[in-house]
N, C-alpha and C. Protein backbone atom coordinates (compact mmCIF):
# COMPACT_ATOMS: atom_id res chain seq x y z
N MET A 1 36.01 34.03 -72.52
CA MET A 1 36.06 33.12 -71.39
C MET A 1 34.85 33.36 -70.49
N TYR A 2 34.27 32.31 -70.02
CA TYR A 2 33.09 32.40 -69.17
C TYR A 2 33.49 32.13 -67.72
N VAL A 3 33.09 33.02 -66.84
CA VAL A 3 33.40 32.90 -65.42
C VAL A 3 32.13 32.46 -64.71
N THR A 4 32.19 31.29 -64.09
CA THR A 4 30.99 30.74 -63.47
C THR A 4 30.42 31.66 -62.39
N GLN A 5 31.28 32.36 -61.66
CA GLN A 5 30.80 33.29 -60.64
C GLN A 5 29.97 34.42 -61.27
N ASP A 6 30.42 34.93 -62.41
CA ASP A 6 29.67 35.99 -63.10
C ASP A 6 28.31 35.48 -63.59
N ILE A 7 28.29 34.27 -64.09
CA ILE A 7 27.02 33.68 -64.57
C ILE A 7 26.08 33.48 -63.39
N ALA A 8 26.59 32.96 -62.30
CA ALA A 8 25.77 32.77 -61.09
C ALA A 8 25.23 34.10 -60.59
N ASN A 9 26.05 35.15 -60.67
CA ASN A 9 25.59 36.47 -60.24
C ASN A 9 24.46 36.99 -61.12
N ARG A 10 24.53 36.73 -62.42
CA ARG A 10 23.45 37.15 -63.31
C ARG A 10 22.16 36.38 -62.99
N ILE A 11 22.30 35.10 -62.70
CA ILE A 11 21.12 34.31 -62.32
C ILE A 11 20.50 34.89 -61.06
N LYS A 12 21.33 35.17 -60.07
CA LYS A 12 20.84 35.73 -58.80
C LYS A 12 20.21 37.10 -59.00
N LEU A 13 20.79 37.92 -59.88
CA LEU A 13 20.22 39.24 -60.16
C LEU A 13 18.84 39.11 -60.79
N CYS A 14 18.70 38.21 -61.75
CA CYS A 14 17.39 37.98 -62.38
C CYS A 14 16.37 37.52 -61.34
N LEU A 15 16.77 36.60 -60.49
CA LEU A 15 15.86 36.13 -59.44
C LEU A 15 15.44 37.28 -58.54
N LYS A 16 16.39 38.11 -58.16
CA LYS A 16 16.09 39.23 -57.25
C LYS A 16 15.13 40.22 -57.90
N THR A 17 15.38 40.58 -59.16
CA THR A 17 14.53 41.56 -59.82
C THR A 17 13.12 41.01 -60.07
N GLN A 18 13.01 39.69 -60.15
CA GLN A 18 11.70 39.06 -60.36
C GLN A 18 11.06 38.62 -59.05
N HIS A 19 11.71 38.93 -57.94
CA HIS A 19 11.21 38.56 -56.60
C HIS A 19 10.95 37.06 -56.49
N LYS A 20 11.93 36.29 -56.98
CA LYS A 20 11.86 34.83 -56.92
C LYS A 20 13.05 34.35 -56.09
N SER A 21 12.90 33.19 -55.49
CA SER A 21 13.99 32.65 -54.69
C SER A 21 14.74 31.57 -55.46
N THR A 22 16.01 31.45 -55.13
CA THR A 22 16.84 30.41 -55.73
C THR A 22 16.26 29.04 -55.40
N LYS A 23 15.86 28.88 -54.16
CA LYS A 23 15.31 27.59 -53.71
C LYS A 23 14.08 27.20 -54.53
N ASP A 24 13.16 28.14 -54.75
CA ASP A 24 11.95 27.85 -55.53
C ASP A 24 12.30 27.50 -56.98
N MET A 25 13.25 28.25 -57.55
CA MET A 25 13.64 27.97 -58.93
C MET A 25 14.23 26.57 -59.06
N LEU A 26 15.18 26.26 -58.18
CA LEU A 26 15.83 24.96 -58.26
C LEU A 26 14.85 23.82 -58.01
N SER A 27 13.92 24.03 -57.11
CA SER A 27 12.90 23.03 -56.85
C SER A 27 12.02 22.81 -58.08
N SER A 28 11.60 23.92 -58.70
CA SER A 28 10.76 23.83 -59.90
C SER A 28 11.47 23.12 -61.04
N LEU A 29 12.79 23.28 -61.09
CA LEU A 29 13.57 22.69 -62.17
C LEU A 29 14.16 21.33 -61.82
N ASN A 30 13.79 20.82 -60.64
CA ASN A 30 14.30 19.53 -60.16
C ASN A 30 15.84 19.49 -60.16
N MET A 31 16.41 20.58 -59.69
CA MET A 31 17.86 20.66 -59.57
C MET A 31 18.23 20.66 -58.10
N GLY A 32 19.45 20.27 -57.80
CA GLY A 32 19.92 20.22 -56.43
C GLY A 32 19.92 21.60 -55.78
N ILE A 33 19.66 21.64 -54.49
CA ILE A 33 19.53 22.88 -53.75
C ILE A 33 20.81 23.71 -53.77
N ASN A 34 21.96 23.07 -53.96
CA ASN A 34 23.23 23.78 -53.97
C ASN A 34 23.78 24.01 -55.38
N ALA A 35 22.97 23.81 -56.38
CA ALA A 35 23.45 23.88 -57.77
C ALA A 35 24.08 25.23 -58.11
N ILE A 36 23.44 26.32 -57.73
CA ILE A 36 23.97 27.64 -58.07
C ILE A 36 25.22 27.93 -57.25
N SER A 37 25.21 27.55 -55.99
CA SER A 37 26.38 27.75 -55.13
C SER A 37 27.58 26.99 -55.66
N GLU A 38 27.38 25.75 -56.04
CA GLU A 38 28.47 24.94 -56.58
C GLU A 38 28.95 25.50 -57.91
N PHE A 39 28.01 25.96 -58.72
CA PHE A 39 28.34 26.54 -60.01
C PHE A 39 29.19 27.80 -59.83
N SER A 40 28.83 28.63 -58.85
CA SER A 40 29.58 29.87 -58.63
C SER A 40 31.01 29.58 -58.16
N LYS A 41 31.23 28.39 -57.63
CA LYS A 41 32.57 28.00 -57.17
C LYS A 41 33.37 27.28 -58.25
N GLY A 42 32.82 27.20 -59.46
CA GLY A 42 33.57 26.64 -60.57
C GLY A 42 33.09 25.30 -61.09
N LYS A 43 32.12 24.68 -60.42
CA LYS A 43 31.59 23.41 -60.92
C LYS A 43 30.85 23.67 -62.23
N GLN A 44 31.00 22.77 -63.16
CA GLN A 44 30.36 22.92 -64.47
C GLN A 44 28.86 22.63 -64.40
N MET A 45 28.11 23.30 -65.26
CA MET A 45 26.67 23.09 -65.37
C MET A 45 26.39 22.69 -66.82
N SER A 46 25.50 21.77 -67.02
CA SER A 46 25.20 21.35 -68.39
C SER A 46 24.48 22.47 -69.14
N CYS A 47 24.62 22.44 -70.45
CA CYS A 47 23.94 23.45 -71.28
C CYS A 47 22.43 23.32 -71.14
N ILE A 48 21.95 22.11 -70.92
CA ILE A 48 20.51 21.90 -70.74
C ILE A 48 20.04 22.57 -69.46
N SER A 49 20.80 22.43 -68.38
CA SER A 49 20.43 23.06 -67.11
C SER A 49 20.44 24.58 -67.25
N LEU A 50 21.45 25.12 -67.92
CA LEU A 50 21.52 26.57 -68.11
C LEU A 50 20.35 27.06 -68.96
N ALA A 51 19.98 26.31 -69.98
CA ALA A 51 18.83 26.67 -70.82
C ALA A 51 17.53 26.62 -70.02
N ARG A 52 17.40 25.63 -69.16
CA ARG A 52 16.19 25.52 -68.33
C ARG A 52 16.09 26.70 -67.37
N ILE A 53 17.22 27.12 -66.81
CA ILE A 53 17.24 28.28 -65.92
C ILE A 53 16.85 29.54 -66.70
N ALA A 54 17.41 29.70 -67.89
CA ALA A 54 17.07 30.86 -68.73
C ALA A 54 15.58 30.87 -69.05
N ASP A 55 15.02 29.72 -69.39
CA ASP A 55 13.58 29.63 -69.67
C ASP A 55 12.77 30.01 -68.43
N TYR A 56 13.17 29.52 -67.28
CA TYR A 56 12.47 29.82 -66.03
C TYR A 56 12.50 31.33 -65.76
N LEU A 57 13.63 31.95 -66.04
CA LEU A 57 13.79 33.38 -65.77
C LEU A 57 13.27 34.26 -66.91
N GLY A 58 12.93 33.64 -68.03
CA GLY A 58 12.43 34.40 -69.17
C GLY A 58 13.51 35.26 -69.81
N CYS A 59 14.74 34.78 -69.80
CA CYS A 59 15.83 35.52 -70.41
C CYS A 59 16.60 34.59 -71.33
N SER A 60 17.55 35.17 -72.05
CA SER A 60 18.33 34.35 -72.98
C SER A 60 19.54 33.73 -72.27
N VAL A 61 19.99 32.62 -72.80
CA VAL A 61 21.22 32.00 -72.31
C VAL A 61 22.39 32.96 -72.56
N ASP A 62 22.37 33.65 -73.69
CA ASP A 62 23.43 34.62 -73.98
C ASP A 62 23.53 35.68 -72.88
N TYR A 63 22.39 36.11 -72.35
CA TYR A 63 22.40 37.08 -71.26
C TYR A 63 23.07 36.48 -70.01
N LEU A 64 22.68 35.27 -69.66
CA LEU A 64 23.28 34.64 -68.48
C LEU A 64 24.78 34.44 -68.66
N LEU A 65 25.21 34.15 -69.89
CA LEU A 65 26.63 33.95 -70.16
C LEU A 65 27.41 35.25 -70.24
N GLY A 66 26.70 36.38 -70.26
CA GLY A 66 27.37 37.67 -70.35
C GLY A 66 27.74 38.06 -71.77
N ARG A 67 27.17 37.39 -72.75
CA ARG A 67 27.46 37.70 -74.15
C ARG A 67 26.67 38.90 -74.63
N THR A 68 25.65 39.29 -73.87
CA THR A 68 24.85 40.47 -74.16
C THR A 68 24.32 41.03 -72.84
N ASP A 69 24.04 42.31 -72.83
CA ASP A 69 23.42 42.91 -71.65
C ASP A 69 21.90 42.99 -71.80
N ASN A 70 21.39 42.51 -72.92
CA ASN A 70 19.96 42.50 -73.18
C ASN A 70 19.41 41.14 -72.78
N PRO A 71 18.57 41.08 -71.73
CA PRO A 71 18.05 39.79 -71.27
C PRO A 71 16.96 39.19 -72.16
N GLU A 72 16.48 39.96 -73.14
CA GLU A 72 15.39 39.48 -73.97
C GLU A 72 15.79 38.25 -74.77
N VAL A 73 14.85 37.34 -74.93
CA VAL A 73 15.06 36.14 -75.72
C VAL A 73 14.82 36.50 -77.18
N ASN A 74 15.74 36.11 -78.06
CA ASN A 74 15.56 36.36 -79.50
C ASN A 74 14.45 35.47 -80.01
N GLN A 75 13.52 36.07 -80.70
CA GLN A 75 12.39 35.32 -81.24
C GLN A 75 12.59 35.03 -82.70
């Protein structure tokens, strides 16, 4: 089971460790300013949006979903 709050926390952790802001990421991805906040409260996010966030952060979607603790993208 995937918990949106946990996924949002992983996104925020990646942003923090990379010294990037949520606002800048969402702006770069043409996503709404409240997208992560709404997602953490249970609103669904498309797989395309999650993949775009993973690409922006340079990590795997599996990492964001909590399926692995290794953020590296499989090549």
